[in-house]
Amino acid sequence: MAHAFWTVSDLPAGSHYQPQSLCMRGDGNRSLQTFEGATTLEQDAQAKAFITDGASRWPDCAVARQVRVGSPKGDVDALVIDVVQYGGSVMTVVQPFRPGPAEFRLLGDELLIDNNGPLPPLPAAQAAAAMREGANDHPGLGDKWSQWEAARDPVSPLVQR
């Protein structure tokens, strides 16, 4: 999550995040893969195919891609991160954001979904806390994550009021 948002936060206005996967073996070795394609739709299709085909072969794998999501307030950009574990268990994280680089901002809390739908409040809060802690520890981010957290909009545009 941290690596994907770091990349997105630095993109020039109007750019689109190229989907990536970051997979880790039990021994800690990691593999970063970028999904190529002539269009963002082709890149996205390759990333989605990897979620069901290649990612489940790793103990832990995250596949990140940028999407436009309809919300009560209009379409918003979001990073969708599919966290896949051995056996194909998938948890999906949807985090709306305002593109940068100067205006980059996280828009509300992330939405967490598993194979059965949105996670109940307590498991969702625990998973979000673990992800945010991991993002805060990312060695290349410096203090960016804590700044994004402090400036995070309090309510997601994906939540109806």
C-alpha atoms as a PDB file:
ATOM      1  CA  MET A   1       0.000   0.000   0.000  1.00  0.00           C
ATOM      2  CA  ALA A   2       2.739   2.444   0.938  1.00  0.00           C
ATOM      3  CA  HIS A   3       4.719   1.858  -2.245  1.00  0.00           C
ATOM      4  CA  ALA A   4       1.637   2.307  -4.443  1.00  0.00           C
ATOM      5  CA  PHE A   5       0.599   5.559  -2.753  1.00  0.00           C
ATOM      6  CA  TRP A   6       4.139   6.863  -2.871  1.00  0.00           C
ATOM      7  CA  THR A   7       4.146   6.305  -6.634  1.00  0.00           C
ATOM      8  CA  VAL A   8       0.663   7.821  -7.095  1.00  0.00           C
ATOM      9  CA  SER A   9       1.515  10.876  -4.989  1.00  0.00           C
ATOM     10  CA  ASP A  10       4.403  11.739  -7.319  1.00  0.00           C
ATOM     11  CA  LEU A  11       2.538  11.331 -10.626  1.00  0.00           C
ATOM     12  CA  PRO A  12       2.043  14.458 -12.744  1.00  0.00           C
ATOM     13  CA  ALA A  13      -1.535  15.731 -13.028  1.00  0.00           C
ATOM     14  CA  GLY A  14      -3.594  13.630 -15.452  1.00  0.00           C
ATOM     15  CA  SER A  15      -1.289  10.605 -15.204  1.00  0.00           C
ATOM     16  CA  HIS A  16      -2.467   7.110 -14.311  1.00  0.00           C
ATOM     17  CA  TYR A  17      -0.767   4.628 -11.971  1.00  0.00           C
ATOM     18  CA  GLN A  18       0.605   1.606 -13.810  1.00  0.00           C
ATOM     19  CA  PRO A  19      -0.568  -1.513 -11.914  1.00  0.00           C
ATOM     20  CA  GLN A  20       2.040  -3.358  -9.888  1.00  0.00           C
ATOM     21  CA  SER A  21       2.289  -6.424  -7.694  1.00  0.00           C
ATOM     22  CA  LEU A  22       4.551  -6.889  -4.726  1.00  0.00           C
ATOM     23  CA  CYS A  23       4.832 -10.509  -3.653  1.00  0.00           C
ATOM     24  CA  MET A  24       6.781 -11.952  -0.737  1.00  0.00           C
ATOM     25  CA  ARG A  25       8.032 -15.442   0.000  1.00  0.00           C
ATOM     26  CA  GLY A  26       8.204 -16.915   3.489  1.00  0.00           C
ATOM     27  CA  ASP A  27      11.950 -16.163   3.610  1.00  0.00           C
ATOM     28  CA  GLY A  28      11.313 -12.443   3.063  1.00  0.00           C
ATOM     29  CA  ASN A  29      12.430 -12.304  -0.576  1.00  0.00           C
ATOM     30  CA  ARG A  30      10.218  -9.972  -2.595  1.00  0.00           C
ATOM     31  CA  SER A  31       9.299  -9.605  -6.237  1.00  0.00           C
ATOM     32  CA  LEU A  32       7.949  -6.374  -7.722  1.00  0.00           C
ATOM     33  CA  GLN A  33       6.173  -6.684 -11.071  1.00  0.00           C
ATOM     34  CA  THR A  34       4.733  -3.938 -13.262  1.00  0.00           C
ATOM     35  CA  PHE A  35       1.910  -4.832 -15.648  1.00  0.00           C
ATOM     36  CA  GLU A  36       2.573  -3.639 -19.174  1.00  0.00           C
ATOM     37  CA  GLY A  37       0.027  -2.808 -21.862  1.00  0.00           C
ATOM     38  CA  ALA A  38      -0.681  -0.322 -24.617  1.00  0.00           C
ATOM     39  CA  THR A  39      -3.581   1.150 -22.613  1.00  0.00           C
ATOM     40  CA  THR A  40      -4.535   1.466 -18.972  1.00  0.00           C
ATOM     41  CA  LEU A  41      -7.380  -1.001 -19.643  1.00  0.00           C
ATOM     42  CA  GLU A  42      -4.904  -3.615 -20.899  1.00  0.00           C
ATOM     43  CA  GLN A  43      -2.640  -3.039 -17.903  1.00  0.00           C
ATOM     44  CA  ASP A  44      -5.610  -3.363 -15.549  1.00  0.00           C
ATOM     45  CA  ALA A  45      -6.744  -6.581 -17.265  1.00  0.00           C
ATOM     46  CA  GLN A  46      -3.281  -8.095 -16.788  1.00  0.00           C
ATOM     47  CA  ALA A  47      -3.254  -7.137 -13.113  1.00  0.00           C
ATOM     48  CA  LYS A  48      -6.715  -8.660 -12.569  1.00  0.00           C
ATOM     49  CA  ALA A  49      -5.651 -11.866 -14.330  1.00  0.00           C
ATOM     50  CA  PHE A  50      -2.574 -12.080 -12.089  1.00  0.00           C
ATOM     51  CA  ILE A  51      -4.791 -11.869  -8.994  1.00  0.00           C
ATOM     52  CA  THR A  52      -6.520 -15.125  -9.905  1.00  0.00           C
ATOM     53  CA  ASP A  53      -3.641 -16.851 -11.703  1.00  0.00           C
ATOM     54  CA  GLY A  54      -0.197 -15.935 -10.362  1.00  0.00           C
ATOM     55  CA  ALA A  55      -0.659 -14.221  -7.002  1.00  0.00           C
ATOM     56  CA  SER A  56      -2.088 -17.253  -5.202  1.00  0.00           C
ATOM     57  CA  ARG A  57       1.229 -19.076  -5.729  1.00  0.00           C
ATOM     58  CA  TRP A  58       2.918 -16.737  -3.250  1.00  0.00           C
ATOM     59  CA  PRO A  59       2.494 -16.778   0.537  1.00  0.00           C
ATOM     60  CA  ASP A  60       1.646 -13.048   0.422  1.00  0.00           C
ATOM     61  CA  CYS A  61       1.025 -10.869  -2.592  1.00  0.00           C
ATOM     62  CA  ALA A  62      -0.494  -7.420  -3.094  1.00  0.00           C
ATOM     63  CA  VAL A  63      -1.695  -6.173  -6.471  1.00  0.00           C
ATOM     64  CA  ALA A  64      -2.346  -2.437  -6.760  1.00  0.00           C
ATOM     65  CA  ARG A  65      -4.210  -0.608  -9.513  1.00  0.00           C
ATOM     66  CA  GLN A  66      -5.909   2.755  -9.958  1.00  0.00           C
ATOM     67  CA  VAL A  67      -9.629   2.975 -10.742  1.00  0.00           C
ATOM     68  CA  ARG A  68     -12.367   5.599 -10.995  1.00  0.00           C
ATOM     69  CA  VAL A  69     -15.193   4.897  -8.559  1.00  0.00           C
ATOM     70  CA  GLY A  70     -18.675   6.374  -8.658  1.00  0.00           C
ATOM     71  CA  SER A  71     -19.642   8.067  -5.418  1.00  0.00           C
ATOM     72  CA  PRO A  72     -22.596  10.126  -4.190  1.00  0.00           C
ATOM     73  CA  LYS A  73     -20.445  13.210  -4.862  1.00  0.00           C
ATOM     74  CA  GLY A  74     -19.242  12.148  -8.333  1.00  0.00           C
ATOM     75  CA  ASP A  75     -16.417   9.985  -9.615  1.00  0.00           C
ATOM     76  CA  VAL A  76     -13.231   9.783  -7.542  1.00  0.00           C
ATOM     77  CA  ASP A  77      -9.834   8.189  -8.071  1.00  0.00           C
ATOM     78  CA  ALA A  78      -9.027   5.234  -5.846  1.00  0.00           C
ATOM     79  CA  LEU A  79      -6.272   2.720  -5.421  1.00  0.00           C
ATOM     80  CA  VAL A  80      -7.559  -0.829  -5.257  1.00  0.00           C
ATOM     81  CA  ILE A  81      -5.153  -3.178  -3.559  1.00  0.00           C
ATOM     82  CA  ASP A  82      -5.943  -6.878  -3.649  1.00  0.00           C
ATOM     83  CA  VAL A  83      -4.081  -8.755  -0.916  1.00  0.00           C
ATOM     84  CA  VAL A  84      -3.811 -12.407  -1.904  1.00  0.00           C
ATOM     85  CA  GLN A  85      -2.546 -15.282   0.232  1.00  0.00           C
ATOM     86  CA  TYR A  86      -1.855 -18.934  -0.525  1.00  0.00           C
ATOM     87  CA  GLY A  87      -5.043 -20.687  -1.535  1.00  0.00           C
ATOM     88  CA  GLY A  88      -6.489 -17.597  -3.184  1.00  0.00           C
ATOM     89  CA  SER A  89      -7.907 -15.860  -0.090  1.00  0.00           C
ATOM     90  CA  VAL A  90      -8.360 -12.221  -1.141  1.00  0.00           C
ATOM     91  CA  MET A  91      -8.933  -9.047   0.846  1.00  0.00           C
ATOM     92  CA  THR A  92      -9.519  -5.929  -1.234  1.00  0.00           C
ATOM     93  CA  VAL A  93      -8.650  -2.454   0.011  1.00  0.00           C
ATOM     94  CA  VAL A  94     -10.232   0.543  -1.729  1.00  0.00           C
ATOM     95  CA  GLN A  95      -8.705   3.902  -0.797  1.00  0.00           C
ATOM     96  CA  PRO A  96     -10.029   7.017  -2.540  1.00  0.00           C
ATOM     97  CA  PHE A  97      -7.539   9.815  -3.093  1.00  0.00           C
ATOM     98  CA  ARG A  98      -7.146  13.179  -4.761  1.00  0.00           C
ATOM     99  CA  PRO A  99      -4.359  12.985  -7.367  1.00  0.00           C
ATOM    100  CA  GLY A 100      -1.210  14.991  -6.900  1.00  0.00           C
ATOM    101  CA  PRO A 101       1.422  15.813  -6.891  1.00  0.00           C
ATOM    102  CA  ALA A 102       0.705  19.162  -5.198  1.00  0.00           C
ATOM    103  CA  GLU A 103      -2.893  18.315  -4.260  1.00  0.00           C
ATOM    104  CA  PHE A 104      -2.407  14.647  -3.258  1.00  0.00           C
ATOM    105  CA  ARG A 105      -4.675  13.660  -0.386  1.00  0.00           C
ATOM    106  CA  LEU A 106      -6.234  10.502   1.080  1.00  0.00           C
ATOM    107  CA  LEU A 107     -10.020  10.817   1.064  1.00  0.00           C
ATOM    108  CA  GLY A 108     -11.448   9.185   4.185  1.00  0.00           C
ATOM    109  CA  ASP A 109     -10.811   5.697   5.491  1.00  0.00           C
ATOM    110  CA  GLU A 110     -10.134   2.720   3.324  1.00  0.00           C
ATOM    111  CA  LEU A 111     -12.947   0.283   2.522  1.00  0.00           C
ATOM    112  CA  LEU A 112     -12.014  -3.348   3.233  1.00  0.00           C
ATOM    113  CA  ILE A 113     -13.762  -6.212   1.470  1.00  0.00           C
ATOM    114  CA  ASP A 114     -13.163  -9.967   1.609  1.00  0.00           C
ATOM    115  CA  ASN A 115     -14.738 -12.846  -0.289  1.00  0.00           C
ATOM    116  CA  ASN A 116     -17.955 -12.339   1.730  1.00  0.00           C
ATOM    117  CA  GLY A 117     -18.317  -8.565   1.264  1.00  0.00           C
ATOM    118  CA  PRO A 118     -17.346  -5.589   3.465  1.00  0.00           C
ATOM    119  CA  LEU A 119     -15.483  -6.564   6.627  1.00  0.00           C
ATOM    120  CA  PRO A 120     -17.362  -6.022   9.900  1.00  0.00           C
ATOM    121  CA  PRO A 121     -16.231  -2.932  11.847  1.00  0.00           C
ATOM    122  CA  LEU A 122     -13.788  -4.573  14.299  1.00  0.00           C
ATOM    123  CA  PRO A 123     -11.913  -6.790  11.785  1.00  0.00           C
ATOM    124  CA  ALA A 124     -11.855  -3.868   9.330  1.00  0.00           C
ATOM    125  CA  ALA A 125     -10.391  -1.538  11.964  1.00  0.00           C
ATOM    126  CA  GLN A 126      -7.753  -4.113  12.927  1.00  0.00           C
ATOM    127  CA  ALA A 127      -6.756  -4.741   9.291  1.00  0.00           C
ATOM    128  CA  ALA A 128      -6.631  -0.997   8.549  1.00  0.00           C
ATOM    129  CA  ALA A 129      -4.478  -0.351  11.623  1.00  0.00           C
ATOM    130  CA  ALA A 130      -2.026  -3.086  10.596  1.00  0.00           C
ATOM    131  CA  MET A 131      -1.799  -1.721   7.036  1.00  0.00           C
ATOM    132  CA  ARG A 132      -1.283   1.846   8.220  1.00  0.00           C
ATOM    133  CA  GLU A 133       1.397   0.716  10.666  1.00  0.00           C
ATOM    134  CA  GLY A 134       3.145  -1.120   7.847  1.00  0.00           C
ATOM    135  CA  ALA A 135       2.893   1.927   5.587  1.00  0.00           C
ATOM    136  CA  ASN A 136       4.328   4.122   8.321  1.00  0.00           C
ATOM    137  CA  ASP A 137       7.338   1.773   8.556  1.00  0.00           C
ATOM    138  CA  HIS A 138       8.084   1.842   4.793  1.00  0.00           C
ATOM    139  CA  PRO A 139      11.771   2.831   4.623  1.00  0.00           C
ATOM    140  CA  GLY A 140      11.513   5.074   1.546  1.00  0.00           C
ATOM    141  CA  LEU A 141       8.518   7.163   2.579  1.00  0.00           C
ATOM    142  CA  GLY A 142      10.145   9.207   5.295  1.00  0.00           C
ATOM    143  CA  ASP A 143       7.425  11.244   6.965  1.00  0.00           C
ATOM    144  CA  LYS A 144       5.082  11.311   3.939  1.00  0.00           C
ATOM    145  CA  TRP A 145       2.668   8.711   5.346  1.00  0.00           C
ATOM    146  CA  SER A 146       2.292  10.518   8.677  1.00  0.00           C
ATOM    147  CA  GLN A 147       1.634  13.771   6.779  1.00  0.00           C
ATOM    148  CA  TRP A 148      -0.986  12.041   4.602  1.00  0.00           C
ATOM    149  CA  GLU A 149      -2.592  10.539   7.696  1.00  0.00           C
ATOM    150  CA  ALA A 150      -2.749  13.915   9.422  1.00  0.00           C
ATOM    151  CA  ALA A 151      -4.306  15.541   6.327  1.00  0.00           C
ATOM    152  CA  ARG A 152      -6.657  12.613   5.531  1.00  0.00           C
ATOM    153  CA  ASP A 153     -10.248  13.714   4.921  1.00  0.00           C
ATOM    154  CA  PRO A 154     -12.389  12.460   7.808  1.00  0.00           C
ATOM    155  CA  VAL A 155     -15.136  10.896   5.644  1.00  0.00           C
ATOM    156  CA  SER A 156     -14.690   8.831   2.507  1.00  0.00           C
ATOM    157  CA  PRO A 157     -16.560  10.021  -0.586  1.00  0.00           C
ATOM    158  CA  LEU A 158     -17.650   6.371  -0.965  1.00  0.00           C
ATOM    159  CA  VAL A 159     -19.805   6.629   2.170  1.00  0.00           C
ATOM    160  CA  GLN A 160     -23.302   8.008   1.826  1.00  0.00           C
ATOM    161  CA  ARG A 161     -24.467  10.373   4.516  1.00  0.00           C
END
